[in-house]
Amino acid sequence: MKKPVSVFIVVLLLTSFTSTFAQENWTLQQCIDYALNNNIQIKQQGLLVDYQKNQLGQAKNNRLPNLNGQLGNNYNYGRSLTYQNTYENTNSTSLSGYLGTDLTLWNGFQLQNTIRQRDLDLKATIQDLQKAKDDLILNIAAMYLEILFAEELTAIDTSQMEVTKQQIERTKKLVNAGSLARGSLLEIEAQLAGEELQQVNDQNRLQLAYLNIYQLLELPISKSFKIVKPEFPNLQTSAINFNSLEIFKNAMQTRPEILASQMRVESARRQLDQVRGARWPKLNFGANYYNNYNNNYTRITSTNPVITEVIPFSDQLKNNKRYGFGFTLSIPVFNQFQVKNGISNAEIQVADYEYRLQNSRNTLQKDIEQAYTNALAALKKYISSEKAVNSSAEAFRYTEEKFNVGMVTPVEYNQIKNNLTSAQSQLLQAKYEYIFRTKILDFYNGIPIKL
């Protein structure tokens, strides 16, 4: 009876093992490519670009003449106008048709300025889309480095636990030989318990980092991956060879938020030109065609005796057609100061977008200066942490030798070992912080983020 259950458990374990084994390995570029294709905010921003394309297309199409038609079918009862232009009591059915077209020949350059404005709005929206992509890429890079940092932390935990386990074995032998008190073994075992707890915390940090990047990528819960660890250069030789002012100058030419603000200032100016065009006369061309048919329209075919017949449909269309064309010049004289106030509001909008542009420049400069300062501080912290690790490692090696011969107490040994672990963690944190800060500087410099 137990055999089927056992087989089921084995199959379940094999399936789980196969799923884990088949898990994909993703590079940073793969994460970025997937996010750009699936992130909801990027898709929404793409819809805004499509909307602005439609707006531009409509602005261009407004230069074309319109064409509208109308068909009417009327049932008439009682006294009606006859074909002989007299009235009599009769019932009839009439059909009528109309075609008309209108074309703006000149309206103070409002059409042209609207096209220019819509084109600038489209270009600004495209830059907004690029800004959203850049922010997403930067966030993915941050999460990617967080995963690498957490993985190396867990590796340090494992390494330190192995050392502690070896010391536990040595201490057991010394305790059994009567060279050390049993309290020494308990202190080392307590050290191992603390290190195991730290490893659990770091593993939780790693899982949370993966969860964050999965959510950032809009990745389905059924799909997961492991990141690929890249090869990093020697950070001490990767000194920052440019200053914040150079980065700011480059960023002013390439950053999408600046380009979008500049285009919106120009768009507001075209809006102002468009509103000013309302003060000028407007010249339109129009043409129309009209025809109708009535089933009771008759004509006399003989006078002695009087004989009439219903006028055929084709003859009525030939005889009843009416068409014409003309020009209309509209001259604004007084319109309750609507044009004046419209111009004033457009000028206010221009000033507002100019202030927004200046604010974008100031924000960008502050961000670059902050990123540059953080990168320098991270590099100094990394160099100092590396020295601290070397010193702590040498101190631990010396203390471990003394501990193995009973010259150092477990408390002193654990303290020196904890100092080494802390220095290694600080070095690791400084390493990834410096990498991330330099990638931010590359980001502002227009250099694609790569690891």
Protein backbone atom coordinates (compact mmCIF):
# COMPACT_ATOMS: atom_id res chain seq x y z
CA MET A 1 0.00 0.00 0.00
CA LYS A 2 2.91 2.39 0.66
CA LYS A 3 4.62 1.85 -2.68
CA PRO A 4 2.38 4.17 -4.78
CA VAL A 5 2.81 6.96 -2.19
CA SER A 6 6.58 6.52 -2.25
CA VAL A 7 6.63 6.59 -6.03
CA PHE A 8 4.54 9.78 -6.00
CA ILE A 9 6.97 11.46 -3.58
CA VAL A 10 9.96 10.46 -5.69
CA VAL A 11 8.29 11.80 -8.85
CA LEU A 12 7.42 15.05 -7.07
CA LEU A 13 11.00 15.50 -5.88
CA LEU A 14 12.41 14.77 -9.33
CA THR A 15 10.01 17.26 -10.90
CA SER A 16 11.04 19.93 -8.39
CA PHE A 17 14.71 19.15 -8.97
CA THR A 18 14.29 19.31 -12.74
CA SER A 19 12.48 22.65 -12.50
CA THR A 20 15.24 24.09 -10.37
CA PHE A 21 17.94 22.64 -12.58
CA ALA A 22 16.31 24.07 -15.71
CA GLN A 23 16.15 27.58 -14.25
CA GLU A 24 17.54 30.15 -16.68
CA ASN A 25 20.52 32.41 -16.08
CA TRP A 26 19.93 36.04 -17.03
CA THR A 27 22.46 38.78 -17.63
CA LEU A 28 21.75 42.40 -16.82
CA GLN A 29 21.02 43.09 -20.50
CA GLN A 30 18.48 40.27 -20.61
CA CYS A 31 16.73 41.73 -17.57
CA ILE A 32 16.67 45.17 -19.19
CA ASP A 33 15.36 43.85 -22.53
CA TYR A 34 12.58 41.91 -20.82
CA ALA A 35 11.56 44.88 -18.69
CA LEU A 36 11.44 47.29 -21.63
CA ASN A 37 9.09 44.91 -23.45
CA ASN A 38 6.82 44.07 -20.52
CA ASN A 39 6.83 46.89 -17.96
CA ILE A 40 3.35 48.43 -17.65
CA GLN A 41 4.58 52.01 -17.17
CA ILE A 42 6.68 51.80 -20.33
CA LYS A 43 3.66 50.52 -22.26
CA GLN A 44 1.51 53.35 -20.90
CA GLN A 45 4.10 55.92 -21.92
CA GLY A 46 4.18 54.33 -25.36
CA LEU A 47 0.42 54.92 -25.63
CA LEU A 48 0.99 58.62 -24.98
CA VAL A 49 3.45 58.67 -27.87
CA ASP A 50 0.85 57.06 -30.14
CA TYR A 51 -1.72 59.64 -29.00
CA GLN A 52 0.62 62.52 -29.87
CA LYS A 53 1.24 60.95 -33.27
CA ASN A 54 -2.50 61.03 -33.90
CA GLN A 55 -2.63 64.65 -32.77
CA LEU A 56 0.13 65.60 -35.21
CA GLY A 57 -1.53 63.69 -38.02
CA GLN A 58 -4.83 65.48 -37.40
CA ALA A 59 -3.10 68.87 -37.36
CA LYS A 60 -1.65 68.13 -40.79
CA ASN A 61 -4.97 66.83 -42.10
CA ASN A 62 -6.69 70.06 -41.04
CA ARG A 63 -5.03 71.71 -44.06
CA LEU A 64 -7.16 69.56 -46.38
CA PRO A 65 -10.62 70.58 -47.59
CA ASN A 66 -13.59 68.91 -45.96
CA LEU A 67 -16.42 67.26 -47.88
CA ASN A 68 -19.85 66.65 -46.39
CA GLY A 69 -23.01 65.25 -47.92
CA GLN A 70 -26.64 65.19 -46.91
CA LEU A 71 -29.61 63.15 -48.10
CA GLY A 72 -33.24 63.89 -47.25
CA ASN A 73 -36.44 61.91 -47.74
CA ASN A 74 -39.61 63.90 -46.98
CA TYR A 75 -43.32 62.95 -47.05
CA ASN A 76 -45.57 65.95 -47.78
CA TYR A 77 -49.34 66.19 -47.15
CA GLY A 78 -51.81 69.00 -47.86
CA ARG A 79 -50.98 72.16 -49.75
CA SER A 80 -47.59 71.82 -51.38
CA LEU A 81 -45.59 73.73 -53.94
CA THR A 82 -45.85 72.12 -57.38
CA TYR A 83 -43.38 72.04 -60.22
CA GLN A 84 -45.30 74.95 -61.85
CA ASN A 85 -44.60 77.02 -58.73
CA THR A 86 -48.24 76.91 -57.63
CA TYR A 87 -49.83 75.46 -54.52
CA GLU A 88 -52.39 72.69 -54.47
CA ASN A 89 -53.60 69.98 -52.14
CA THR A 90 -51.57 66.90 -52.92
CA ASN A 91 -49.52 64.22 -51.23
CA SER A 92 -45.94 63.65 -52.40
CA THR A 93 -42.60 62.16 -51.57
CA SER A 94 -39.44 64.15 -52.22
CA LEU A 95 -35.75 63.28 -52.19
CA SER A 96 -32.98 65.84 -51.82
CA GLY A 97 -29.21 65.69 -51.78
CA TYR A 98 -26.42 68.11 -50.88
CA LEU A 99 -22.62 68.12 -51.15
CA GLY A 100 -20.47 70.88 -49.73
CA THR A 101 -16.77 71.52 -49.24
CA ASP A 102 -14.81 74.14 -47.37
CA LEU A 103 -11.11 74.97 -47.43
CA THR A 104 -9.18 77.38 -45.23
CA LEU A 105 -6.88 79.43 -47.44
CA TRP A 106 -5.38 81.60 -44.71
CA ASN A 107 -6.05 82.07 -41.00
CA GLY A 108 -3.09 83.94 -39.60
CA PHE A 109 -0.77 80.91 -39.83
CA GLN A 110 -2.78 79.12 -37.14
CA LEU A 111 -2.73 75.81 -39.03
CA GLN A 112 1.04 75.94 -39.55
CA ASN A 113 1.75 76.85 -35.93
CA THR A 114 -0.55 74.08 -34.71
CA ILE A 115 1.41 71.56 -36.78
CA ARG A 116 4.68 72.81 -35.32
CA GLN A 117 3.26 72.66 -31.82
CA ARG A 118 1.98 69.08 -32.23
CA ASP A 119 5.32 68.01 -33.68
CA LEU A 120 7.15 69.42 -30.66
CA ASP A 121 4.65 67.77 -28.30
CA LEU A 122 5.31 64.43 -29.99
CA LYS A 123 9.08 64.83 -29.71
CA ALA A 124 8.76 65.80 -26.02
CA THR A 125 6.61 62.74 -25.34
CA ILE A 126 9.20 60.53 -27.04
CA GLN A 127 11.81 61.99 -24.68
CA ASP A 128 9.48 61.25 -21.74
CA LEU A 129 9.36 57.64 -22.92
CA GLN A 130 13.15 57.53 -23.05
CA LYS A 131 13.32 59.02 -19.54
CA ALA A 132 10.98 56.30 -18.26
CA LYS A 133 13.17 53.66 -19.90
CA ASP A 134 16.33 55.16 -18.39
CA ASP A 135 14.82 55.22 -14.91
CA LEU A 136 13.70 51.62 -15.29
CA ILE A 137 17.16 50.54 -16.46
CA LEU A 138 18.77 52.32 -13.50
CA ASN A 139 16.40 50.64 -11.04
CA ILE A 140 17.07 47.23 -12.58
CA ALA A 141 20.82 47.80 -12.33
CA ALA A 142 20.41 48.72 -8.65
CA MET A 143 18.40 45.56 -7.96
CA TYR A 144 20.88 43.47 -9.96
CA LEU A 145 23.78 44.76 -7.85
CA GLU A 146 21.74 44.21 -4.68
CA ILE A 147 21.41 40.54 -5.64
CA LEU A 148 25.14 40.25 -6.29
CA PHE A 149 25.84 41.91 -2.94
CA ALA A 150 23.48 39.57 -1.09
CA GLU A 151 24.95 36.51 -2.80
CA GLU A 152 28.49 37.46 -1.77
CA LEU A 153 27.29 38.12 1.78
CA THR A 154 25.89 34.60 2.00
CA ALA A 155 29.17 33.29 0.58
CA ILE A 156 31.07 35.09 3.35
CA ASP A 157 28.66 33.63 5.90
CA THR A 158 29.28 30.13 4.57
CA SER A 159 33.05 30.63 4.62
CA GLN A 160 33.03 31.91 8.20
CA MET A 161 30.78 29.08 9.33
CA GLU A 162 33.21 26.54 7.86
CA VAL A 163 36.03 28.11 9.85
CA THR A 164 33.93 28.08 13.00
CA LYS A 165 32.99 24.41 12.49
CA GLN A 166 36.66 23.53 12.15
CA GLN A 167 37.39 25.34 15.41
CA ILE A 168 34.57 23.48 17.10
CA GLU A 169 36.19 20.18 16.12
CA ARG A 170 39.57 21.34 17.39
CA THR A 171 38.04 22.64 20.61
CA LYS A 172 36.23 19.35 21.21
CA LYS A 173 39.54 17.53 21.02
CA LEU A 174 41.15 19.97 23.45
CA VAL A 175 38.21 19.71 25.85
CA ASN A 176 38.29 15.91 25.70
CA ALA A 177 42.01 16.02 26.36
CA GLY A 178 41.47 18.24 29.37
CA SER A 179 43.39 21.17 27.88
CA LEU A 180 40.35 23.47 27.77
CA ALA A 181 37.27 23.91 29.87
CA ARG A 182 33.90 22.88 28.42
CA GLY A 183 32.85 26.54 28.52
CA SER A 184 35.23 27.26 25.67
CA LEU A 185 33.39 24.78 23.45
CA LEU A 186 30.03 26.30 24.39
CA GLU A 187 31.27 29.77 23.43
CA ILE A 188 32.42 28.55 19.99
CA GLU A 189 29.13 26.73 19.45
CA ALA A 190 27.27 29.93 20.38
CA GLN A 191 29.40 31.75 17.79
CA LEU A 192 28.30 29.21 15.17
CA ALA A 193 24.64 29.69 16.11
CA GLY A 194 25.00 33.44 15.66
CA GLU A 195 26.64 32.96 12.28
CA GLU A 196 23.86 30.60 11.18
CA LEU A 197 21.30 33.25 12.13
CA GLN A 198 23.22 35.85 10.13
CA GLN A 199 23.27 33.54 7.14
CA VAL A 200 19.49 33.13 7.38
CA ASN A 201 19.07 36.91 7.43
CA ASP A 202 21.35 37.35 4.43
CA GLN A 203 19.53 34.59 2.54
CA ASN A 204 16.24 36.36 3.24
CA ARG A 205 17.80 39.55 1.92
CA LEU A 206 18.79 37.70 -1.25
CA GLN A 207 15.28 36.31 -1.74
CA LEU A 208 13.77 39.75 -1.21
CA ALA A 209 16.17 41.23 -3.80
CA TYR A 210 15.06 38.62 -6.33
CA LEU A 211 11.43 39.34 -5.52
CA ASN A 212 12.00 43.06 -6.11
CA ILE A 213 13.59 42.53 -9.51
CA TYR A 214 10.85 40.06 -10.53
CA GLN A 215 8.22 42.67 -9.71
CA LEU A 216 10.18 45.39 -11.48
CA LEU A 217 10.30 43.26 -14.61
CA GLU A 218 6.57 42.40 -14.39
CA LEU A 219 7.73 38.78 -14.45
CA PRO A 220 5.01 36.12 -13.99
CA ILE A 221 5.24 34.21 -10.73
CA SER A 222 5.60 30.97 -12.69
CA LYS A 223 8.83 32.19 -14.30
CA SER A 224 12.08 32.88 -12.48
CA PHE A 225 15.79 33.11 -13.17
CA LYS A 226 19.21 33.36 -11.59
CA ILE A 227 21.41 36.30 -12.46
CA VAL A 228 24.81 35.93 -14.07
CA LYS A 229 27.69 37.34 -12.05
CA PRO A 230 29.83 39.59 -14.27
CA GLU A 231 33.57 40.13 -14.03
CA PHE A 232 34.34 43.47 -12.40
CA PRO A 233 37.58 45.39 -13.00
CA ASN A 234 40.00 46.31 -10.27
CA LEU A 235 38.13 49.12 -8.59
CA GLN A 236 41.27 50.85 -7.36
CA THR A 237 42.39 51.41 -10.94
CA SER A 238 38.94 52.65 -11.98
CA ALA A 239 39.47 56.18 -10.74
CA ILE A 240 36.98 58.85 -11.84
CA ASN A 241 38.77 60.77 -14.60
CA PHE A 242 36.14 63.47 -15.19
CA ASN A 243 34.46 66.08 -13.00
CA SER A 244 30.83 66.91 -12.34
CA LEU A 245 30.89 70.01 -14.56
CA GLU A 246 31.93 67.97 -17.60
CA ILE A 247 29.19 65.44 -16.85
CA PHE A 248 26.62 68.23 -16.52
CA LYS A 249 27.61 69.74 -19.86
CA ASN A 250 27.23 66.37 -21.56
CA ALA A 251 23.96 65.67 -19.78
CA MET A 252 22.49 68.98 -20.94
CA GLN A 253 22.89 67.77 -24.52
CA THR A 254 21.63 64.22 -24.06
CA ARG A 255 19.35 63.81 -21.04
CA PRO A 256 15.74 63.26 -22.16
CA GLU A 257 14.19 65.25 -19.31
CA ILE A 258 16.12 68.35 -20.44
CA LEU A 259 15.31 67.81 -24.11
CA ALA A 260 11.63 67.28 -23.28
CA SER A 261 11.52 70.51 -21.24
CA GLN A 262 13.18 72.46 -24.05
CA MET A 263 10.68 71.13 -26.58
CA ARG A 264 7.74 72.02 -24.36
CA VAL A 265 9.00 75.60 -24.13
CA GLU A 266 9.08 75.75 -27.93
CA SER A 267 5.65 74.13 -28.07
CA ALA A 268 4.26 76.82 -25.76
CA ARG A 269 5.75 79.49 -28.02
CA ARG A 270 4.07 77.97 -31.05
CA GLN A 271 0.83 77.95 -29.06
CA LEU A 272 1.35 81.66 -28.46
CA ASP A 273 1.86 82.27 -32.19
CA GLN A 274 -1.28 80.28 -32.91
CA VAL A 275 -3.39 82.37 -30.51
CA ARG A 276 -1.98 85.59 -31.94
CA GLY A 277 -3.16 84.44 -35.38
CA ALA A 278 -6.77 84.86 -34.18
CA ARG A 279 -6.33 88.65 -34.53
CA TRP A 280 -5.97 88.33 -38.30
CA PRO A 281 -8.76 87.98 -40.88
CA LYS A 282 -9.51 84.49 -42.17
CA LEU A 283 -10.09 83.58 -45.81
CA ASN A 284 -12.08 80.47 -46.69
CA PHE A 285 -13.14 78.91 -49.97
CA GLY A 286 -16.42 77.03 -50.20
CA ALA A 287 -18.36 75.12 -52.86
CA ASN A 288 -21.68 73.25 -52.84
CA TYR A 289 -24.01 71.15 -55.00
CA TYR A 290 -27.77 70.60 -54.45
CA ASN A 291 -30.43 68.50 -56.18
CA ASN A 292 -33.91 67.12 -55.46
CA TYR A 293 -36.66 64.83 -56.79
CA ASN A 294 -40.46 64.78 -56.14
CA ASN A 295 -42.72 61.97 -57.25
CA ASN A 296 -45.62 64.41 -57.95
CA TYR A 297 -43.75 66.82 -60.16
CA THR A 298 -45.53 66.80 -63.55
CA ARG A 299 -45.24 68.54 -66.87
CA ILE A 300 -47.74 69.23 -69.68
CA THR A 301 -47.15 67.11 -72.77
CA SER A 302 -50.28 68.25 -74.67
CA THR A 303 -52.48 71.35 -74.41
CA ASN A 304 -55.54 70.09 -76.37
CA PRO A 305 -56.55 68.12 -74.56
CA VAL A 306 -54.33 68.85 -71.57
CA ILE A 307 -52.18 65.85 -70.84
CA THR A 308 -49.56 65.70 -68.07
CA GLU A 309 -46.95 63.18 -67.03
CA VAL A 310 -44.70 62.71 -64.04
CA ILE A 311 -41.27 64.12 -64.80
CA PRO A 312 -38.78 61.23 -64.89
CA PHE A 313 -36.11 60.95 -62.16
CA SER A 314 -33.24 61.63 -64.56
CA ASP A 315 -34.90 64.73 -65.97
CA GLN A 316 -35.56 66.12 -62.51
CA LEU A 317 -31.94 65.60 -61.51
CA LYS A 318 -30.87 67.40 -64.67
CA ASN A 319 -33.29 70.30 -64.18
CA ASN A 320 -33.17 70.74 -60.37
CA LYS A 321 -29.42 70.78 -59.82
CA ARG A 322 -27.90 73.83 -58.21
CA TYR A 323 -24.26 74.49 -57.45
CA GLY A 324 -21.91 77.31 -56.66
CA PHE A 325 -18.70 78.40 -55.00
CA GLY A 326 -17.38 81.46 -53.26
CA PHE A 327 -14.92 83.03 -50.87
CA THR A 328 -15.54 84.17 -47.31
CA LEU A 329 -13.40 86.73 -45.53
CA SER A 330 -13.98 86.80 -41.76
CA ILE A 331 -12.68 89.94 -40.07
CA PRO A 332 -12.48 89.94 -36.25
CA VAL A 333 -13.73 93.25 -34.91
CA PHE A 334 -14.70 92.65 -31.28
CA ASN A 335 -14.96 89.32 -29.46
CA GLN A 336 -15.29 90.19 -25.75
CA PHE A 337 -11.46 90.37 -25.41
CA GLN A 338 -11.22 86.59 -25.89
CA VAL A 339 -8.21 86.88 -28.19
CA LYS A 340 -6.45 89.33 -25.88
CA ASN A 341 -6.95 87.11 -22.85
CA GLY A 342 -5.97 84.04 -24.87
CA ILE A 343 -2.69 85.72 -25.80
CA SER A 344 -2.06 86.69 -22.18
CA ASN A 345 -2.71 83.11 -21.00
CA ALA A 346 -0.40 81.72 -23.70
CA GLU A 347 2.37 84.11 -22.60
CA ILE A 348 1.91 82.93 -19.01
CA GLN A 349 2.21 79.33 -20.17
CA VAL A 350 5.44 80.12 -22.01
CA ALA A 351 6.88 81.65 -18.84
CA ASP A 352 5.73 78.62 -16.81
CA TYR A 353 7.48 76.15 -19.13
CA GLU A 354 10.63 78.29 -19.08
CA TYR A 355 10.64 78.04 -15.29
CA ARG A 356 10.09 74.28 -15.56
CA LEU A 357 13.08 74.04 -17.88
CA GLN A 358 15.25 75.98 -15.46
CA ASN A 359 14.07 73.79 -12.61
CA SER A 360 14.93 70.66 -14.63
CA ARG A 361 18.42 72.03 -15.23
CA ASN A 362 18.90 72.84 -11.55
CA THR A 363 17.65 69.42 -10.48
CA LEU A 364 19.91 67.69 -12.96
CA GLN A 365 22.93 69.65 -11.78
CA LYS A 366 22.18 68.85 -8.13
CA ASP A 367 21.71 65.16 -8.92
CA ILE A 368 24.98 64.99 -10.84
CA GLU A 369 26.94 66.79 -8.13
CA GLN A 370 25.43 64.47 -5.52
CA ALA A 371 26.19 61.39 -7.61
CA TYR A 372 29.76 62.57 -8.23
CA THR A 373 30.34 63.24 -4.53
CA ASN A 374 28.84 59.86 -3.59
CA ALA A 375 31.07 58.09 -6.13
CA LEU A 376 34.22 59.71 -4.73
CA ALA A 377 33.17 58.87 -1.17
CA ALA A 378 32.39 55.27 -2.17
CA LEU A 379 35.83 54.89 -3.77
CA LYS A 380 37.57 56.22 -0.65
CA LYS A 381 35.42 53.95 1.50
CA TYR A 382 36.33 50.96 -0.66
CA ILE A 383 40.07 51.67 -0.42
CA SER A 384 39.85 52.10 3.36
CA SER A 385 37.72 48.98 3.74
CA GLU A 386 40.21 46.96 1.70
CA LYS A 387 43.00 48.02 4.04
CA ALA A 388 40.82 47.12 7.02
CA VAL A 389 40.14 43.66 5.58
CA ASN A 390 43.86 43.02 5.04
CA SER A 391 44.66 44.10 8.59
CA SER A 392 41.75 42.11 10.07
CA ALA A 393 42.70 39.02 8.08
CA GLU A 394 46.28 39.20 9.33
CA ALA A 395 45.08 39.73 12.90
CA PHE A 396 42.71 36.78 12.62
CA ARG A 397 45.41 34.54 11.20
CA TYR A 398 47.71 35.42 14.10
CA THR A 399 44.90 34.99 16.68
CA GLU A 400 43.83 31.66 15.18
CA GLU A 401 47.35 30.29 15.54
CA LYS A 402 47.42 31.35 19.20
CA PHE A 403 43.92 29.96 19.78
CA ASN A 404 44.92 26.58 18.38
CA VAL A 405 47.62 26.29 21.04
CA GLY A 406 45.44 27.61 23.84
CA MET A 407 47.05 31.05 24.16
CA VAL A 408 43.84 32.97 23.35
CA THR A 409 40.42 32.57 24.91
CA PRO A 410 37.34 31.81 22.77
CA VAL A 411 35.97 35.25 23.57
CA GLU A 412 39.06 36.96 22.14
CA TYR A 413 39.05 34.60 19.16
CA ASN A 414 35.38 35.30 18.39
CA GLN A 415 35.94 39.05 18.71
CA ILE A 416 38.78 39.01 16.17
CA LYS A 417 36.78 36.74 13.88
CA ASN A 418 33.76 39.04 14.08
CA ASN A 419 35.99 42.00 13.26
CA LEU A 420 37.13 40.22 10.10
CA THR A 421 33.56 39.35 9.10
CA SER A 422 32.46 42.95 9.67
CA ALA A 423 35.39 44.30 7.63
CA GLN A 424 34.61 41.90 4.78
CA SER A 425 30.96 42.97 4.81
CA GLN A 426 31.90 46.64 4.78
CA LEU A 427 34.32 46.05 1.91
CA LEU A 428 31.64 44.23 -0.03
CA GLN A 429 29.13 47.01 0.59
CA ALA A 430 31.66 49.68 -0.44
CA LYS A 431 32.48 47.72 -3.59
CA TYR A 432 28.92 47.54 -4.86
CA GLU A 433 28.12 51.05 -3.74
CA TYR A 434 31.04 52.37 -5.78
CA ILE A 435 30.05 50.28 -8.80
CA PHE A 436 26.50 51.62 -8.62
CA ARG A 437 27.63 55.24 -8.17
CA THR A 438 29.93 55.06 -11.18
CA LYS A 439 27.11 53.56 -13.24
CA ILE A 440 24.94 56.52 -12.29
CA LEU A 441 27.68 58.85 -13.57
CA ASP A 442 27.82 56.84 -16.80
CA PHE A 443 24.04 57.15 -16.95
CA TYR A 444 24.24 60.96 -16.81
CA ASN A 445 27.15 60.92 -19.29
CA GLY A 446 25.05 59.12 -21.89
CA ILE A 447 26.93 55.83 -21.53
CA PRO A 448 24.72 52.70 -21.53
CA ILE A 449 24.69 50.85 -18.20
CA LYS A 450 26.59 47.59 -18.51
CA LEU A 451 28.10 45.23 -15.95
